[in-house]
Amino acid sequence: MTNEPFQITLEAARVNCGLTLVEAAKLFGINKDTLSRYERDSTRVPRTFIIQIPQVYKVPTSYIFFGKKSEYFRTLQEKQFKEVI
């Protein structure tokens, strides 16, 4: 068992709030295509965006995985595999 905090992707945070891509983008003041890009790869999102996450998605930024979405799922799969062994 690990003591690492559980994290979710930006997309999961948005969906958990019941927001569409368009609705969330409006709340952040960005284009929906930009938000979609951030959801795929949040490696280099601007600080101004990060600061808004708790207000928009109602979760602390420490709960958000910042990186490539594919990397998140690869890491999650590895953790699950290790727990089985």
N, C-alpha and C. Protein backbone atom coordinates (compact mmCIF):
# COMPACT_ATOMS: atom_id res chain seq x y z
N MET A 1 0.84 -1.18 0.00
CA MET A 1 0.00 0.00 0.00
C MET A 1 0.88 1.24 0.00
N THR A 2 0.51 2.24 -0.76
CA THR A 2 1.31 3.44 -0.90
C THR A 2 0.67 4.62 -0.17
N ASN A 3 1.50 5.56 0.24
CA ASN A 3 1.00 6.76 0.92
C ASN A 3 0.84 7.93 -0.03
N GLU A 4 0.99 7.70 -1.33
CA GLU A 4 0.85 8.75 -2.31
C GLU A 4 -0.61 9.20 -2.37
N PRO A 5 -0.84 10.51 -2.53
CA PRO A 5 -2.22 10.98 -2.63
C PRO A 5 -2.86 10.53 -3.94
N PHE A 6 -4.13 10.24 -3.88
CA PHE A 6 -4.86 9.85 -5.08
C PHE A 6 -5.05 11.08 -5.95
N GLN A 7 -4.79 10.97 -7.22
CA GLN A 7 -4.96 12.10 -8.12
C GLN A 7 -5.85 11.69 -9.29
N ILE A 8 -6.49 12.70 -9.89
CA ILE A 8 -7.35 12.49 -11.05
C ILE A 8 -6.88 13.42 -12.17
N THR A 9 -7.30 13.11 -13.37
CA THR A 9 -6.95 13.94 -14.52
C THR A 9 -7.83 15.19 -14.53
N LEU A 10 -7.41 16.17 -15.32
CA LEU A 10 -8.23 17.38 -15.48
C LEU A 10 -9.61 17.04 -16.05
N GLU A 11 -9.62 16.12 -17.00
CA GLU A 11 -10.89 15.71 -17.59
C GLU A 11 -11.81 15.09 -16.54
N ALA A 12 -11.26 14.23 -15.69
CA ALA A 12 -12.07 13.61 -14.64
C ALA A 12 -12.60 14.65 -13.67
N ALA A 13 -11.79 15.64 -13.34
CA ALA A 13 -12.24 16.71 -12.44
C ALA A 13 -13.40 17.47 -13.06
N ARG A 14 -13.31 17.74 -14.35
CA ARG A 14 -14.39 18.46 -15.05
C ARG A 14 -15.66 17.62 -15.09
N VAL A 15 -15.52 16.37 -15.46
CA VAL A 15 -16.69 15.48 -15.56
C VAL A 15 -17.33 15.29 -14.18
N ASN A 16 -16.52 15.15 -13.14
CA ASN A 16 -17.05 15.00 -11.79
C ASN A 16 -17.86 16.20 -11.34
N CYS A 17 -17.56 17.36 -11.90
CA CYS A 17 -18.31 18.59 -11.59
C CYS A 17 -19.57 18.71 -12.43
N GLY A 18 -19.72 17.83 -13.40
CA GLY A 18 -20.89 17.87 -14.26
C GLY A 18 -20.80 18.95 -15.33
N LEU A 19 -19.58 19.35 -15.68
CA LEU A 19 -19.40 20.40 -16.68
C LEU A 19 -19.00 19.82 -18.03
N THR A 20 -19.53 20.43 -19.08
CA THR A 20 -19.08 20.07 -20.42
C THR A 20 -17.77 20.80 -20.68
N LEU A 21 -17.11 20.43 -21.75
CA LEU A 21 -15.87 21.08 -22.14
C LEU A 21 -16.12 22.58 -22.38
N VAL A 22 -17.21 22.90 -23.07
CA VAL A 22 -17.55 24.29 -23.38
C VAL A 22 -17.85 25.07 -22.11
N GLU A 23 -18.63 24.49 -21.21
CA GLU A 23 -18.98 25.18 -19.95
C GLU A 23 -17.74 25.46 -19.11
N ALA A 24 -16.88 24.47 -18.97
CA ALA A 24 -15.67 24.64 -18.17
C ALA A 24 -14.73 25.66 -18.81
N ALA A 25 -14.58 25.60 -20.11
CA ALA A 25 -13.71 26.56 -20.81
C ALA A 25 -14.18 27.99 -20.57
N LYS A 26 -15.49 28.20 -20.58
CA LYS A 26 -16.03 29.54 -20.31
C LYS A 26 -15.67 29.99 -18.90
N LEU A 27 -15.80 29.10 -17.93
CA LEU A 27 -15.49 29.44 -16.55
C LEU A 27 -14.00 29.78 -16.38
N PHE A 28 -13.15 29.12 -17.14
CA PHE A 28 -11.72 29.40 -17.08
C PHE A 28 -11.34 30.61 -17.94
N GLY A 29 -12.24 31.00 -18.83
CA GLY A 29 -11.95 32.12 -19.72
C GLY A 29 -11.01 31.75 -20.85
N ILE A 30 -11.10 30.49 -21.30
CA ILE A 30 -10.25 30.01 -22.39
C ILE A 30 -11.11 29.34 -23.45
N ASN A 31 -10.53 29.07 -24.60
CA ASN A 31 -11.22 28.39 -25.68
C ASN A 31 -11.37 26.90 -25.34
N LYS A 32 -12.44 26.28 -25.81
CA LYS A 32 -12.67 24.85 -25.53
C LYS A 32 -11.55 23.99 -26.10
N ASP A 33 -10.97 24.40 -27.22
CA ASP A 33 -9.86 23.63 -27.80
C ASP A 33 -8.62 23.69 -26.91
N THR A 34 -8.42 24.83 -26.27
CA THR A 34 -7.30 24.97 -25.35
C THR A 34 -7.50 24.06 -24.14
N LEU A 35 -8.72 24.04 -23.59
CA LEU A 35 -9.00 23.17 -22.45
C LEU A 35 -8.85 21.71 -22.85
N SER A 36 -9.30 21.36 -24.02
CA SER A 36 -9.15 19.99 -24.51
C SER A 36 -7.68 19.61 -24.59
N ARG A 37 -6.85 20.53 -25.06
CA ARG A 37 -5.41 20.29 -25.13
C ARG A 37 -4.81 20.11 -23.74
N TYR A 38 -5.24 20.96 -22.78
CA TYR A 38 -4.78 20.83 -21.39
C TYR A 38 -5.18 19.48 -20.81
N GLU A 39 -6.37 18.99 -21.16
CA GLU A 39 -6.84 17.71 -20.63
C GLU A 39 -6.00 16.55 -21.17
N ARG A 40 -5.50 16.68 -22.37
CA ARG A 40 -4.65 15.63 -22.95
C ARG A 40 -3.22 15.70 -22.40
N ASP A 41 -2.75 16.93 -22.19
CA ASP A 41 -1.38 17.12 -21.70
C ASP A 41 -1.31 18.41 -20.88
N SER A 42 -1.32 18.25 -19.58
CA SER A 42 -1.31 19.42 -18.68
C SER A 42 0.09 19.72 -18.16
N THR A 43 1.09 19.25 -18.87
CA THR A 43 2.47 19.44 -18.46
C THR A 43 2.84 20.92 -18.32
N ARG A 44 2.35 21.73 -19.24
CA ARG A 44 2.75 23.14 -19.27
C ARG A 44 1.57 24.10 -19.22
N VAL A 45 0.59 23.80 -18.39
CA VAL A 45 -0.53 24.73 -18.27
C VAL A 45 -0.07 25.99 -17.53
N PRO A 46 -0.63 27.14 -17.87
CA PRO A 46 -0.22 28.37 -17.20
C PRO A 46 -0.63 28.39 -15.73
N ARG A 47 0.15 29.08 -14.96
CA ARG A 47 -0.13 29.22 -13.52
C ARG A 47 -1.51 29.82 -13.28
N THR A 48 -1.91 30.76 -14.12
CA THR A 48 -3.23 31.39 -13.96
C THR A 48 -4.35 30.36 -14.07
N PHE A 49 -4.16 29.36 -14.91
CA PHE A 49 -5.14 28.28 -15.04
C PHE A 49 -5.15 27.42 -13.78
N ILE A 50 -3.97 27.06 -13.31
CA ILE A 50 -3.84 26.20 -12.12
C ILE A 50 -4.51 26.85 -10.91
N ILE A 51 -4.33 28.15 -10.77
CA ILE A 51 -4.91 28.88 -9.63
C ILE A 51 -6.43 28.83 -9.65
N GLN A 52 -7.03 28.73 -10.84
CA GLN A 52 -8.49 28.71 -10.96
C GLN A 52 -9.12 27.34 -10.71
N ILE A 53 -8.33 26.29 -10.73
CA ILE A 53 -8.87 24.93 -10.62
C ILE A 53 -9.74 24.73 -9.37
N PRO A 54 -9.29 25.12 -8.18
CA PRO A 54 -10.14 24.90 -7.00
C PRO A 54 -11.50 25.61 -7.07
N GLN A 55 -11.54 26.79 -7.66
CA GLN A 55 -12.81 27.50 -7.77
C GLN A 55 -13.74 26.87 -8.81
N VAL A 56 -13.17 26.45 -9.92
CA VAL A 56 -13.99 25.90 -11.01
C VAL A 56 -14.38 24.45 -10.75
N TYR A 57 -13.42 23.62 -10.36
CA TYR A 57 -13.67 22.19 -10.21
C TYR A 57 -13.92 21.74 -8.77
N LYS A 58 -13.75 22.66 -7.83
CA LYS A 58 -14.03 22.38 -6.41
C LYS A 58 -13.16 21.26 -5.84
N VAL A 59 -11.92 21.18 -6.33
CA VAL A 59 -10.94 20.22 -5.79
C VAL A 59 -9.59 20.94 -5.65
N PRO A 60 -8.82 20.59 -4.64
CA PRO A 60 -7.48 21.19 -4.50
C PRO A 60 -6.59 20.78 -5.68
N THR A 61 -5.68 21.64 -6.04
CA THR A 61 -4.78 21.32 -7.17
C THR A 61 -3.91 20.09 -6.87
N SER A 62 -3.70 19.79 -5.59
CA SER A 62 -2.91 18.61 -5.24
C SER A 62 -3.61 17.31 -5.64
N TYR A 63 -4.91 17.38 -5.92
CA TYR A 63 -5.67 16.21 -6.35
C TYR A 63 -5.61 16.01 -7.86
N ILE A 64 -4.99 16.96 -8.56
CA ILE A 64 -4.94 16.91 -10.02
C ILE A 64 -3.59 16.39 -10.49
N PHE A 65 -3.63 15.44 -11.41
CA PHE A 65 -2.41 14.95 -12.04
C PHE A 65 -2.04 15.91 -13.16
N PHE A 66 -0.85 16.46 -13.10
CA PHE A 66 -0.36 17.34 -14.15
C PHE A 66 0.67 16.59 -14.97
N GLY A 67 0.33 16.36 -16.21
CA GLY A 67 1.19 15.61 -17.12
C GLY A 67 0.35 15.11 -18.28
N LYS A 68 0.91 14.21 -19.05
CA LYS A 68 0.18 13.65 -20.19
C LYS A 68 -0.83 12.64 -19.68
N LYS A 69 -2.03 12.71 -20.24
CA LYS A 69 -3.11 11.81 -19.84
C LYS A 69 -2.68 10.35 -20.03
N SER A 70 -1.98 10.06 -21.11
CA SER A 70 -1.53 8.69 -21.36
C SER A 70 -0.57 8.22 -20.27
N GLU A 71 0.25 9.14 -19.77
CA GLU A 71 1.20 8.81 -18.70
C GLU A 71 0.45 8.51 -17.40
N TYR A 72 -0.62 9.25 -17.14
CA TYR A 72 -1.45 9.02 -15.96
C TYR A 72 -1.97 7.59 -15.96
N PHE A 73 -2.54 7.17 -17.08
CA PHE A 73 -3.12 5.83 -17.16
C PHE A 73 -2.06 4.74 -17.14
N ARG A 74 -0.89 5.01 -17.73
CA ARG A 74 0.20 4.04 -17.68
C ARG A 74 0.66 3.85 -16.23
N THR A 75 0.82 4.96 -15.51
CA THR A 75 1.26 4.90 -14.11
C THR A 75 0.21 4.20 -13.25
N LEU A 76 -1.05 4.51 -13.48
CA LEU A 76 -2.14 3.89 -12.73
C LEU A 76 -2.15 2.38 -12.96
N GLN A 77 -1.96 1.99 -14.20
CA GLN A 77 -1.94 0.57 -14.54
C GLN A 77 -0.77 -0.14 -13.85
N GLU A 78 0.39 0.51 -13.82
CA GLU A 78 1.55 -0.07 -13.15
C GLU A 78 1.30 -0.24 -11.66
N LYS A 79 0.67 0.75 -11.03
CA LYS A 79 0.38 0.67 -9.60
C LYS A 79 -0.57 -0.47 -9.31
N GLN A 80 -1.58 -0.63 -10.15
CA GLN A 80 -2.55 -1.71 -9.96
C GLN A 80 -1.86 -3.06 -10.14
N PHE A 81 -0.96 -3.15 -11.09
CA PHE A 81 -0.24 -4.40 -11.33
C PHE A 81 0.62 -4.76 -10.13
N LYS A 82 1.30 -3.77 -9.55
CA LYS A 82 2.15 -4.01 -8.40
C LYS A 82 1.35 -4.46 -7.19
N GLU A 83 0.13 -3.93 -7.05
CA GLU A 83 -0.72 -4.31 -5.91
C GLU A 83 -1.19 -5.75 -6.03
N VAL A 84 -1.33 -6.25 -7.25
CA VAL A 84 -1.77 -7.61 -7.48
C VAL A 84 -0.67 -8.60 -7.14
N ILE A 85 0.56 -8.20 -7.42
CA ILE A 85 1.70 -9.12 -7.21
C ILE A 85 2.01 -9.29 -5.77
